Amino acid sequence: MKFSELSPRIIVGILVIVIIFSVSLGFAHQPRLASYSSSMDNPILVQNPEVSQAFYGQLEGNPAYYLVRSNNSFQLYVNILVPDNPGAQLMSVEISNSSGMSLAKLDANTKWEPYFEKFGGDGYLKGPEFNQTLPAGDYYIKVFNAQNQGKYSLAIGDIETFPPGEALNAIFLLPILKAQIFQVPVFELFIQFIGLIMAIGSLMVICILLKKSKDSVAMLVLTRKVYSSIKPLMLLGVGITSLMWILTYLKNTFNILGFIETLLLIVILLMHFNIHYKLKKLYSEKIPFKRIMVLLILWILFLFLRIVLIDS
């Protein structure tokens, strides 16, 4: 079967399966974003503490607090990491029970080792660990350093499980985390953003015209003319985006998130080739509206993965 004969549902289905499988193999911790400034009175609640999770956060003048609650005895694993960036600030972690008694302190002054996370292709410094069976109850985890400044990743739990929902959550969350925790190349993202605007904008114009062309021969003729005029702009946008992504990916090919984005871009390029062939022979009985809608959705997904808010 040729690629042009595959339905949009089959194409997207195959892509989703490959993505979920890749994430499940490549990422050890379920990612979590510590999205608010926590305190002892308002800690971040950790659910399923035995399941491997990574909480990404940033200290801004105060320690961060996490609450682990369990009705049964459980194995508590805790590890602290910081991004291996210039000027990285090491963290300490203190674990205490609900009575305030300290059970362990992971000191920032101990030995830290380089750690490479293969899903996002990011480098960390890995600090001390805690791994102990605890009775049922409430436990507090405090993340801090002398200045209470810096970015960190707090790993809790050591049972690796990645159901499909968590895999999709990782796909959407990791680009945001990479922007907040790591140094993102702003100039490259900006150039790629220009290319994406050109490609997606042109495609949206064609999509709107095709929607109206279903019941109008005159609109069908107009769509052909508009596509003929707008095609160079669309192809230029696709070319810029592809070139900038290749330059970005070649800097770090050992990451699964990059592989997923590359796979997504390849599918987009193949669909562009297929749709270009159909639009050249456009007639009312064969309007490729659904395919263009799928292509537009894939472009928006790629846009989300590449263009993220810079918070560094």
C-alpha atoms as a PDB file:
ATOM      1  CA  MET A   1       0.000   0.000   0.000  1.00  0.00           C
ATOM      2  CA  LYS A   2       1.316   3.420  -0.952  1.00  0.00           C
ATOM      3  CA  PHE A   3       1.563   6.228   1.591  1.00  0.00           C
ATOM      4  CA  SER A   4      -0.974   8.236  -0.448  1.00  0.00           C
ATOM      5  CA  GLU A   5      -3.515   5.429   0.065  1.00  0.00           C
ATOM      6  CA  LEU A   6      -3.268   5.435   3.847  1.00  0.00           C
ATOM      7  CA  SER A   7      -6.171   7.113   5.636  1.00  0.00           C
ATOM      8  CA  PRO A   8      -5.449  10.009   8.035  1.00  0.00           C
ATOM      9  CA  ARG A   9      -6.675   7.885  10.960  1.00  0.00           C
ATOM     10  CA  ILE A  10      -4.194   5.107  10.197  1.00  0.00           C
ATOM     11  CA  ILE A  11      -1.339   7.598   9.839  1.00  0.00           C
ATOM     12  CA  VAL A  12      -2.105   9.332  13.146  1.00  0.00           C
ATOM     13  CA  GLY A  13      -2.743   5.993  14.883  1.00  0.00           C
ATOM     14  CA  ILE A  14       0.641   4.612  13.855  1.00  0.00           C
ATOM     15  CA  LEU A  15       2.350   7.842  14.927  1.00  0.00           C
ATOM     16  CA  VAL A  16       0.681   7.811  18.373  1.00  0.00           C
ATOM     17  CA  ILE A  17       1.616   4.155  18.968  1.00  0.00           C
ATOM     18  CA  VAL A  18       5.265   4.795  18.067  1.00  0.00           C
ATOM     19  CA  ILE A  19       5.399   7.886  20.295  1.00  0.00           C
ATOM     20  CA  ILE A  20       3.868   6.133  23.318  1.00  0.00           C
ATOM     21  CA  PHE A  21       6.186   3.142  22.867  1.00  0.00           C
ATOM     22  CA  SER A  22       9.244   5.412  22.574  1.00  0.00           C
ATOM     23  CA  VAL A  23       8.347   7.395  25.692  1.00  0.00           C
ATOM     24  CA  SER A  24       7.675   4.217  27.693  1.00  0.00           C
ATOM     25  CA  LEU A  25      11.123   2.885  26.834  1.00  0.00           C
ATOM     26  CA  GLY A  26      13.029   6.114  27.250  1.00  0.00           C
ATOM     27  CA  PHE A  27      11.788   7.930  30.308  1.00  0.00           C
ATOM     28  CA  ALA A  28      12.251   6.518  33.803  1.00  0.00           C
ATOM     29  CA  HIS A  29      10.237   9.049  35.845  1.00  0.00           C
ATOM     30  CA  GLN A  30       6.730  10.335  35.328  1.00  0.00           C
ATOM     31  CA  PRO A  31       7.354  14.118  35.004  1.00  0.00           C
ATOM     32  CA  ARG A  32       5.578  16.578  37.290  1.00  0.00           C
ATOM     33  CA  LEU A  33       5.743  20.379  37.311  1.00  0.00           C
ATOM     34  CA  ALA A  34       6.003  22.009  40.751  1.00  0.00           C
ATOM     35  CA  SER A  35       3.878  24.912  39.566  1.00  0.00           C
ATOM     36  CA  TYR A  36       3.468  26.906  42.772  1.00  0.00           C
ATOM     37  CA  SER A  37       5.556  28.131  45.667  1.00  0.00           C
ATOM     38  CA  SER A  38       4.946  25.548  48.393  1.00  0.00           C
ATOM     39  CA  SER A  39       5.337  25.899  52.153  1.00  0.00           C
ATOM     40  CA  MET A  40       5.120  23.697  55.209  1.00  0.00           C
ATOM     41  CA  ASP A  41       1.434  24.661  55.511  1.00  0.00           C
ATOM     42  CA  ASN A  42       0.768  24.257  51.792  1.00  0.00           C
ATOM     43  CA  PRO A  43       3.007  21.440  50.526  1.00  0.00           C
ATOM     44  CA  ILE A  44       2.886  19.701  47.164  1.00  0.00           C
ATOM     45  CA  LEU A  45       1.040  16.409  47.647  1.00  0.00           C
ATOM     46  CA  VAL A  46       2.818  13.338  46.260  1.00  0.00           C
ATOM     47  CA  GLN A  47       0.393  10.632  45.165  1.00  0.00           C
ATOM     48  CA  ASN A  48       1.504   7.008  44.709  1.00  0.00           C
ATOM     49  CA  PRO A  49       4.917   7.665  46.331  1.00  0.00           C
ATOM     50  CA  GLU A  50       6.321   4.263  45.340  1.00  0.00           C
ATOM     51  CA  VAL A  51       5.806   5.011  41.627  1.00  0.00           C
ATOM     52  CA  SER A  52       8.798   6.749  40.039  1.00  0.00           C
ATOM     53  CA  GLN A  53       8.046  10.472  39.591  1.00  0.00           C
ATOM     54  CA  ALA A  54      10.213  13.527  38.929  1.00  0.00           C
ATOM     55  CA  PHE A  55       9.094  16.903  40.293  1.00  0.00           C
ATOM     56  CA  TYR A  56      10.685  19.847  38.472  1.00  0.00           C
ATOM     57  CA  GLY A  57      10.810  23.090  40.397  1.00  0.00           C
ATOM     58  CA  GLN A  58      12.727  26.252  41.197  1.00  0.00           C
ATOM     59  CA  LEU A  59      13.576  27.841  44.524  1.00  0.00           C
ATOM     60  CA  GLU A  60      12.938  31.585  44.640  1.00  0.00           C
ATOM     61  CA  GLY A  61      13.919  32.613  48.158  1.00  0.00           C
ATOM     62  CA  ASN A  62      12.144  29.884  50.140  1.00  0.00           C
ATOM     63  CA  PRO A  63      12.457  26.105  50.522  1.00  0.00           C
ATOM     64  CA  ALA A  64      10.059  23.788  48.643  1.00  0.00           C
ATOM     65  CA  TYR A  65       7.965  21.317  50.630  1.00  0.00           C
ATOM     66  CA  TYR A  66       6.423  18.004  49.550  1.00  0.00           C
ATOM     67  CA  LEU A  67       3.969  15.861  51.499  1.00  0.00           C
ATOM     68  CA  VAL A  68       4.040  12.077  51.141  1.00  0.00           C
ATOM     69  CA  ARG A  69       0.953  10.400  52.643  1.00  0.00           C
ATOM     70  CA  SER A  70       0.394   6.663  52.878  1.00  0.00           C
ATOM     71  CA  ASN A  71      -2.107   4.489  54.753  1.00  0.00           C
ATOM     72  CA  ASN A  72       0.225   1.488  54.589  1.00  0.00           C
ATOM     73  CA  SER A  73       3.912   0.881  55.116  1.00  0.00           C
ATOM     74  CA  PHE A  74       5.800   1.663  51.918  1.00  0.00           C
ATOM     75  CA  GLN A  75       9.230   1.968  50.346  1.00  0.00           C
ATOM     76  CA  LEU A  76      10.288   5.615  50.009  1.00  0.00           C
ATOM     77  CA  TYR A  77      12.983   6.428  47.490  1.00  0.00           C
ATOM     78  CA  VAL A  78      14.173  10.042  47.175  1.00  0.00           C
ATOM     79  CA  ASN A  79      16.917  11.471  44.980  1.00  0.00           C
ATOM     80  CA  ILE A  80      17.814  15.067  44.119  1.00  0.00           C
ATOM     81  CA  LEU A  81      19.158  16.287  40.762  1.00  0.00           C
ATOM     82  CA  VAL A  82      20.021  19.707  39.379  1.00  0.00           C
ATOM     83  CA  PRO A  83      20.516  20.677  35.714  1.00  0.00           C
ATOM     84  CA  ASP A  84      24.153  20.504  34.656  1.00  0.00           C
ATOM     85  CA  ASN A  85      24.237  24.138  33.542  1.00  0.00           C
ATOM     86  CA  PRO A  86      26.875  26.817  34.192  1.00  0.00           C
ATOM     87  CA  GLY A  87      26.324  28.182  37.686  1.00  0.00           C
ATOM     88  CA  ALA A  88      24.143  25.266  38.792  1.00  0.00           C
ATOM     89  CA  GLN A  89      23.282  25.470  42.496  1.00  0.00           C
ATOM     90  CA  LEU A  90      23.336  22.224  44.467  1.00  0.00           C
ATOM     91  CA  MET A  91      20.443  21.316  46.744  1.00  0.00           C
ATOM     92  CA  SER A  92      19.944  19.669  50.111  1.00  0.00           C
ATOM     93  CA  VAL A  93      16.936  17.530  51.034  1.00  0.00           C
ATOM     94  CA  GLU A  94      15.552  16.839  54.494  1.00  0.00           C
ATOM     95  CA  ILE A  95      12.995  14.098  55.174  1.00  0.00           C
ATOM     96  CA  SER A  96      10.934  14.276  58.380  1.00  0.00           C
ATOM     97  CA  ASN A  97       7.789  12.688  59.834  1.00  0.00           C
ATOM     98  CA  SER A  98       4.567  14.427  60.881  1.00  0.00           C
ATOM     99  CA  SER A  99       6.012  15.051  64.366  1.00  0.00           C
ATOM    100  CA  GLY A 100       8.856  17.070  62.882  1.00  0.00           C
ATOM    101  CA  MET A 101      11.533  14.484  63.633  1.00  0.00           C
ATOM    102  CA  SER A 102      14.197  14.386  60.962  1.00  0.00           C
ATOM    103  CA  LEU A 103      14.675  10.946  59.397  1.00  0.00           C
ATOM    104  CA  ALA A 104      17.426  11.812  56.931  1.00  0.00           C
ATOM    105  CA  LYS A 105      19.280  14.709  55.368  1.00  0.00           C
ATOM    106  CA  LEU A 106      20.727  14.535  51.860  1.00  0.00           C
ATOM    107  CA  ASP A 107      23.480  17.118  52.114  1.00  0.00           C
ATOM    108  CA  ALA A 108      24.463  19.262  49.133  1.00  0.00           C
ATOM    109  CA  ASN A 109      28.115  18.973  50.172  1.00  0.00           C
ATOM    110  CA  THR A 110      28.266  15.254  49.359  1.00  0.00           C
ATOM    111  CA  LYS A 111      29.577  13.910  46.031  1.00  0.00           C
ATOM    112  CA  TRP A 112      27.470  14.669  42.941  1.00  0.00           C
ATOM    113  CA  GLU A 113      27.790  12.633  39.743  1.00  0.00           C
ATOM    114  CA  PRO A 114      26.933  13.477  36.109  1.00  0.00           C
ATOM    115  CA  TYR A 115      23.662  11.903  34.936  1.00  0.00           C
ATOM    116  CA  PHE A 116      22.287  11.828  31.376  1.00  0.00           C
ATOM    117  CA  GLU A 117      18.516  11.598  30.911  1.00  0.00           C
ATOM    118  CA  LYS A 118      18.007   9.973  27.504  1.00  0.00           C
ATOM    119  CA  PHE A 119      14.379  10.978  26.875  1.00  0.00           C
ATOM    120  CA  GLY A 120      14.964  14.711  26.769  1.00  0.00           C
ATOM    121  CA  GLY A 121      18.687  14.353  26.076  1.00  0.00           C
ATOM    122  CA  ASP A 122      19.541  16.528  29.081  1.00  0.00           C
ATOM    123  CA  GLY A 123      22.468  16.456  31.488  1.00  0.00           C
ATOM    124  CA  TYR A 124      22.042  16.582  35.272  1.00  0.00           C
ATOM    125  CA  LEU A 125      24.169  16.431  38.370  1.00  0.00           C
ATOM    126  CA  LYS A 126      22.856  13.604  40.525  1.00  0.00           C
ATOM    127  CA  GLY A 127      23.028  14.045  44.280  1.00  0.00           C
ATOM    128  CA  PRO A 128      22.584  11.718  47.280  1.00  0.00           C
ATOM    129  CA  GLU A 129      19.743   9.182  47.628  1.00  0.00           C
ATOM    130  CA  PHE A 130      17.395   7.939  50.336  1.00  0.00           C
ATOM    131  CA  ASN A 131      15.782   4.488  50.139  1.00  0.00           C
ATOM    132  CA  GLN A 132      14.011   3.076  53.172  1.00  0.00           C
ATOM    133  CA  THR A 133      10.827   1.249  54.202  1.00  0.00           C
ATOM    134  CA  LEU A 134       8.615   3.548  56.300  1.00  0.00           C
ATOM    135  CA  PRO A 135       5.451   2.872  58.326  1.00  0.00           C
ATOM    136  CA  ALA A 136       2.111   4.378  57.334  1.00  0.00           C
ATOM    137  CA  GLY A 137       1.797   8.104  57.985  1.00  0.00           C
ATOM    138  CA  ASP A 138       2.634  11.566  56.703  1.00  0.00           C
ATOM    139  CA  TYR A 139       6.169  12.545  55.712  1.00  0.00           C
ATOM    140  CA  TYR A 140       7.577  15.897  54.612  1.00  0.00           C
ATOM    141  CA  ILE A 141      10.360  16.393  52.091  1.00  0.00           C
ATOM    142  CA  LYS A 142      12.116  19.776  52.167  1.00  0.00           C
ATOM    143  CA  VAL A 143      14.268  20.968  49.258  1.00  0.00           C
ATOM    144  CA  PHE A 144      16.609  23.875  50.059  1.00  0.00           C
ATOM    145  CA  ASN A 145      20.101  25.370  49.911  1.00  0.00           C
ATOM    146  CA  ALA A 146      21.859  28.281  51.623  1.00  0.00           C
ATOM    147  CA  GLN A 147      20.353  30.911  49.303  1.00  0.00           C
ATOM    148  CA  ASN A 148      17.142  28.990  48.521  1.00  0.00           C
ATOM    149  CA  GLN A 149      17.795  29.663  44.838  1.00  0.00           C
ATOM    150  CA  GLY A 150      18.122  27.438  41.810  1.00  0.00           C
ATOM    151  CA  LYS A 151      16.374  24.808  39.706  1.00  0.00           C
ATOM    152  CA  TYR A 152      16.057  21.161  40.664  1.00  0.00           C
ATOM    153  CA  SER A 153      14.434  17.823  39.901  1.00  0.00           C
ATOM    154  CA  LEU A 154      13.217  15.811  42.887  1.00  0.00           C
ATOM    155  CA  ALA A 155      12.858  12.090  42.109  1.00  0.00           C
ATOM    156  CA  ILE A 156      10.429  10.169  44.327  1.00  0.00           C
ATOM    157  CA  GLY A 157       9.660   6.452  44.011  1.00  0.00           C
ATOM    158  CA  ASP A 158      11.501   3.709  42.143  1.00  0.00           C
ATOM    159  CA  ILE A 159       8.753   1.618  40.495  1.00  0.00           C
ATOM    160  CA  GLU A 160       8.930   2.479  36.805  1.00  0.00           C
ATOM    161  CA  THR A 161       5.525   2.442  35.127  1.00  0.00           C
ATOM    162  CA  PHE A 162       4.375   4.426  32.110  1.00  0.00           C
ATOM    163  CA  PRO A 163       0.718   3.937  31.126  1.00  0.00           C
ATOM    164  CA  PRO A 164      -0.394   5.598  27.842  1.00  0.00           C
ATOM    165  CA  GLY A 165      -1.874   8.611  29.649  1.00  0.00           C
ATOM    166  CA  GLU A 166       1.425   9.339  31.376  1.00  0.00           C
ATOM    167  CA  ALA A 167       3.319   8.907  28.099  1.00  0.00           C
ATOM    168  CA  LEU A 168       1.160  11.534  26.396  1.00  0.00           C
ATOM    169  CA  ASN A 169       1.464  13.788  29.466  1.00  0.00           C
ATOM    170  CA  ALA A 170       5.265  13.547  29.186  1.00  0.00           C
ATOM    171  CA  ILE A 171       5.140  14.571  25.515  1.00  0.00           C
ATOM    172  CA  PHE A 172       3.269  17.779  26.333  1.00  0.00           C
ATOM    173  CA  LEU A 173       5.039  18.572  29.606  1.00  0.00           C
ATOM    174  CA  LEU A 174       8.681  17.928  28.697  1.00  0.00           C
ATOM    175  CA  PRO A 175       9.069  20.886  26.265  1.00  0.00           C
ATOM    176  CA  ILE A 176       7.817  23.250  28.989  1.00  0.00           C
ATOM    177  CA  LEU A 177      10.169  21.699  31.519  1.00  0.00           C
ATOM    178  CA  LYS A 178      13.106  21.931  29.116  1.00  0.00           C
ATOM    179  CA  ALA A 179      12.414  25.640  28.652  1.00  0.00           C
ATOM    180  CA  GLN A 180      12.170  26.289  32.386  1.00  0.00           C
ATOM    181  CA  ILE A 181      15.008  24.063  33.588  1.00  0.00           C
ATOM    182  CA  PHE A 182      17.496  24.174  30.711  1.00  0.00           C
ATOM    183  CA  GLN A 183      18.971  26.872  28.525  1.00  0.00           C
ATOM    184  CA  VAL A 184      16.869  26.926  25.332  1.00  0.00           C
ATOM    185  CA  PRO A 185      18.390  28.387  22.099  1.00  0.00           C
ATOM    186  CA  VAL A 186      16.090  31.387  21.715  1.00  0.00           C
ATOM    187  CA  PHE A 187      17.413  32.546  18.320  1.00  0.00           C
ATOM    188  CA  GLU A 188      16.906  29.134  16.703  1.00  0.00           C
ATOM    189  CA  LEU A 189      13.409  28.878  18.132  1.00  0.00           C
ATOM    190  CA  PHE A 190      12.604  32.354  16.772  1.00  0.00           C
ATOM    191  CA  ILE A 191      13.728  31.487  13.212  1.00  0.00           C
ATOM    192  CA  GLN A 192      11.827  28.216  13.398  1.00  0.00           C
ATOM    193  CA  PHE A 193       8.803  30.130  14.654  1.00  0.00           C
ATOM    194  CA  ILE A 194       8.884  32.277  11.494  1.00  0.00           C
ATOM    195  CA  GLY A 195       8.952  29.131   9.349  1.00  0.00           C
ATOM    196  CA  LEU A 196       6.093  27.608  11.306  1.00  0.00           C
ATOM    197  CA  ILE A 197       3.967  30.740  10.895  1.00  0.00           C
ATOM    198  CA  MET A 198       4.494  30.647   7.132  1.00  0.00           C
ATOM    199  CA  ALA A 199       3.693  26.921   6.843  1.00  0.00           C
ATOM    200  CA  ILE A 200       0.742  26.796   9.243  1.00  0.00           C
ATOM    201  CA  GLY A 201      -0.713  30.130   8.094  1.00  0.00           C
ATOM    202  CA  SER A 202      -0.687  29.064   4.432  1.00  0.00           C
ATOM    203  CA  LEU A 203      -2.213  25.714   5.316  1.00  0.00           C
ATOM    204  CA  MET A 204      -5.003  27.368   7.322  1.00  0.00           C
ATOM    205  CA  VAL A 205      -5.903  29.574   4.352  1.00  0.00           C
ATOM    206  CA  ILE A 206      -6.159  26.522   2.082  1.00  0.00           C
ATOM    207  CA  CYS A 207      -8.133  24.643   4.734  1.00  0.00           C
ATOM    208  CA  ILE A 208     -10.724  27.430   5.004  1.00  0.00           C
ATOM    209  CA  LEU A 209     -11.073  27.681   1.223  1.00  0.00           C
ATOM    210  CA  LEU A 210     -11.453  23.919   0.836  1.00  0.00           C
ATOM    211  CA  LYS A 211     -14.216  23.926   3.438  1.00  0.00           C
ATOM    212  CA  LYS A 212     -16.133  26.449   1.338  1.00  0.00           C
ATOM    213  CA  SER A 213     -15.311  24.653  -1.917  1.00  0.00           C
ATOM    214  CA  LYS A 214     -17.428  21.632  -1.085  1.00  0.00           C
ATOM    215  CA  ASP A 215     -20.595  23.334  -2.324  1.00  0.00           C
ATOM    216  CA  SER A 216     -19.190  25.856  -4.793  1.00  0.00           C
ATOM    217  CA  VAL A 217     -17.425  25.284  -8.087  1.00  0.00           C
ATOM    218  CA  ALA A 218     -16.393  28.946  -8.122  1.00  0.00           C
ATOM    219  CA  MET A 219     -14.689  28.538  -4.736  1.00  0.00           C
ATOM    220  CA  LEU A 220     -12.973  25.420  -6.014  1.00  0.00           C
ATOM    221  CA  VAL A 221     -11.490  27.399  -8.901  1.00  0.00           C
ATOM    222  CA  LEU A 222     -10.468  30.170  -6.490  1.00  0.00           C
ATOM    223  CA  THR A 223      -8.815  27.602  -4.184  1.00  0.00           C
ATOM    224  CA  ARG A 224      -6.703  26.311  -7.076  1.00  0.00           C
ATOM    225  CA  LYS A 225      -5.537  29.841  -7.886  1.00  0.00           C
ATOM    226  CA  VAL A 226      -4.829  30.726  -4.253  1.00  0.00           C
ATOM    227  CA  TYR A 227      -2.895  27.494  -3.708  1.00  0.00           C
ATOM    228  CA  SER A 228      -0.827  28.191  -6.804  1.00  0.00           C
ATOM    229  CA  SER A 229       0.058  31.629  -5.406  1.00  0.00           C
ATOM    230  CA  ILE A 230       0.570  30.618  -1.790  1.00  0.00           C
ATOM    231  CA  LYS A 231       2.487  27.390  -2.442  1.00  0.00           C
ATOM    232  CA  PRO A 232       5.965  29.044  -2.559  1.00  0.00           C
ATOM    233  CA  LEU A 233       5.355  30.685   0.833  1.00  0.00           C
ATOM    234  CA  MET A 234       4.190  27.377   2.317  1.00  0.00           C
ATOM    235  CA  LEU A 235       7.161  25.463   0.917  1.00  0.00           C
ATOM    236  CA  LEU A 236       9.559  28.137   2.175  1.00  0.00           C
ATOM    237  CA  GLY A 237       8.063  27.845   5.659  1.00  0.00           C
ATOM    238  CA  VAL A 238       8.346  24.062   5.558  1.00  0.00           C
ATOM    239  CA  GLY A 239      11.950  24.343   4.373  1.00  0.00           C
ATOM    240  CA  ILE A 240      12.972  26.842   7.070  1.00  0.00           C
ATOM    241  CA  THR A 241      11.347  24.770   9.809  1.00  0.00           C
ATOM    242  CA  SER A 242      12.953  21.540   8.584  1.00  0.00           C
ATOM    243  CA  LEU A 243      16.407  23.102   8.213  1.00  0.00           C
ATOM    244  CA  MET A 244      16.365  24.726  11.648  1.00  0.00           C
ATOM    245  CA  TRP A 245      15.128  21.505  13.241  1.00  0.00           C
ATOM    246  CA  ILE A 246      17.930  19.489  11.588  1.00  0.00           C
ATOM    247  CA  LEU A 247      20.507  21.962  12.911  1.00  0.00           C
ATOM    248  CA  THR A 248      18.952  21.728  16.384  1.00  0.00           C
ATOM    249  CA  TYR A 249      18.684  17.945  16.405  1.00  0.00           C
ATOM    250  CA  LEU A 250      22.234  17.348  15.178  1.00  0.00           C
ATOM    251  CA  LYS A 251      23.548  19.084  18.304  1.00  0.00           C
ATOM    252  CA  ASN A 252      22.102  16.295  20.438  1.00  0.00           C
ATOM    253  CA  THR A 253      20.861  13.182  18.663  1.00  0.00           C
ATOM    254  CA  PHE A 254      20.866  10.999  21.780  1.00  0.00           C
ATOM    255  CA  ASN A 255      17.413  11.916  23.048  1.00  0.00           C
ATOM    256  CA  ILE A 256      14.036  10.295  22.509  1.00  0.00           C
ATOM    257  CA  LEU A 257      12.098  13.567  22.547  1.00  0.00           C
ATOM    258  CA  GLY A 258      14.185  14.699  19.581  1.00  0.00           C
ATOM    259  CA  PHE A 259      13.509  11.388  17.827  1.00  0.00           C
ATOM    260  CA  ILE A 260       9.766  11.855  18.324  1.00  0.00           C
ATOM    261  CA  GLU A 261       9.887  15.385  16.900  1.00  0.00           C
ATOM    262  CA  THR A 262      11.918  14.116  13.935  1.00  0.00           C
ATOM    263  CA  LEU A 263       9.401  11.334  13.318  1.00  0.00           C
ATOM    264  CA  LEU A 264       6.565  13.837  13.516  1.00  0.00           C
ATOM    265  CA  LEU A 265       8.290  16.157  11.040  1.00  0.00           C
ATOM    266  CA  ILE A 266       8.902  13.282   8.603  1.00  0.00           C
ATOM    267  CA  VAL A 267       5.191  12.395   8.664  1.00  0.00           C
ATOM    268  CA  ILE A 268       4.346  16.080   8.099  1.00  0.00           C
ATOM    269  CA  LEU A 269       6.682  16.272   5.093  1.00  0.00           C
ATOM    270  CA  LEU A 270       5.245  13.084   3.579  1.00  0.00           C
ATOM    271  CA  MET A 271       1.713  14.397   4.051  1.00  0.00           C
ATOM    272  CA  HIS A 272       2.691  17.691   2.413  1.00  0.00           C
ATOM    273  CA  PHE A 273       3.962  15.785  -0.620  1.00  0.00           C
ATOM    274  CA  ASN A 274       0.756  13.753  -0.759  1.00  0.00           C
ATOM    275  CA  ILE A 275      -1.535  16.782  -0.386  1.00  0.00           C
ATOM    276  CA  HIS A 276       0.447  18.812  -2.915  1.00  0.00           C
ATOM    277  CA  TYR A 277      -0.162  16.018  -5.453  1.00  0.00           C
ATOM    278  CA  LYS A 278      -3.917  16.025  -4.681  1.00  0.00           C
ATOM    279  CA  LEU A 279      -4.264  19.819  -4.787  1.00  0.00           C
ATOM    280  CA  LYS A 280      -2.642  19.915  -8.233  1.00  0.00           C
ATOM    281  CA  LYS A 281      -5.531  17.740  -9.470  1.00  0.00           C
ATOM    282  CA  LEU A 282      -8.226  19.289  -7.328  1.00  0.00           C
ATOM    283  CA  TYR A 283     -11.847  18.590  -8.262  1.00  0.00           C
ATOM    284  CA  SER A 284     -15.110  18.658  -6.294  1.00  0.00           C
ATOM    285  CA  GLU A 285     -15.448  14.898  -5.793  1.00  0.00           C
ATOM    286  CA  LYS A 286     -11.957  14.574  -4.305  1.00  0.00           C
ATOM    287  CA  ILE A 287     -11.382  17.475  -1.917  1.00  0.00           C
ATOM    288  CA  PRO A 288      -8.668  16.401   0.620  1.00  0.00           C
ATOM    289  CA  PHE A 289     -10.164  18.400   3.475  1.00  0.00           C
ATOM    290  CA  LYS A 290      -9.744  15.715   6.162  1.00  0.00           C
ATOM    291  CA  ARG A 291      -6.120  15.108   5.242  1.00  0.00           C
ATOM    292  CA  ILE A 292      -5.347  18.810   5.441  1.00  0.00           C
ATOM    293  CA  MET A 293      -7.061  19.010   8.842  1.00  0.00           C
ATOM    294  CA  VAL A 294      -4.891  16.116  10.088  1.00  0.00           C
ATOM    295  CA  LEU A 295      -1.802  17.827   8.676  1.00  0.00           C
ATOM    296  CA  LEU A 296      -2.777  21.078  10.393  1.00  0.00           C
ATOM    297  CA  ILE A 297      -3.179  19.259  13.725  1.00  0.00           C
ATOM    298  CA  LEU A 298       0.243  17.637  13.330  1.00  0.00           C
ATOM    299  CA  TRP A 299       1.782  21.035  12.574  1.00  0.00           C
ATOM    300  CA  ILE A 300       0.190  22.501  15.711  1.00  0.00           C
ATOM    301  CA  LEU A 301       1.562  19.584  17.754  1.00  0.00           C
ATOM    302  CA  PHE A 302       5.032  20.184  16.308  1.00  0.00           C
ATOM    303  CA  LEU A 303       4.647  23.905  17.058  1.00  0.00           C
ATOM    304  CA  PHE A 304       3.814  23.105  20.667  1.00  0.00           C
ATOM    305  CA  LEU A 305       6.830  20.820  20.983  1.00  0.00           C
ATOM    306  CA  ARG A 306       9.224  23.387  19.518  1.00  0.00           C
ATOM    307  CA  ILE A 307       7.984  26.837  20.524  1.00  0.00           C
ATOM    308  CA  VAL A 308       7.778  27.048  24.299  1.00  0.00           C
ATOM    309  CA  LEU A 309       7.743  29.892  26.797  1.00  0.00           C
ATOM    310  CA  ILE A 310      11.244  30.904  27.837  1.00  0.00           C
ATOM    311  CA  ASP A 311      11.572  31.294  31.576  1.00  0.00           C
ATOM    312  CA  SER A 312      15.264  31.501  32.266  1.00  0.00           C
END
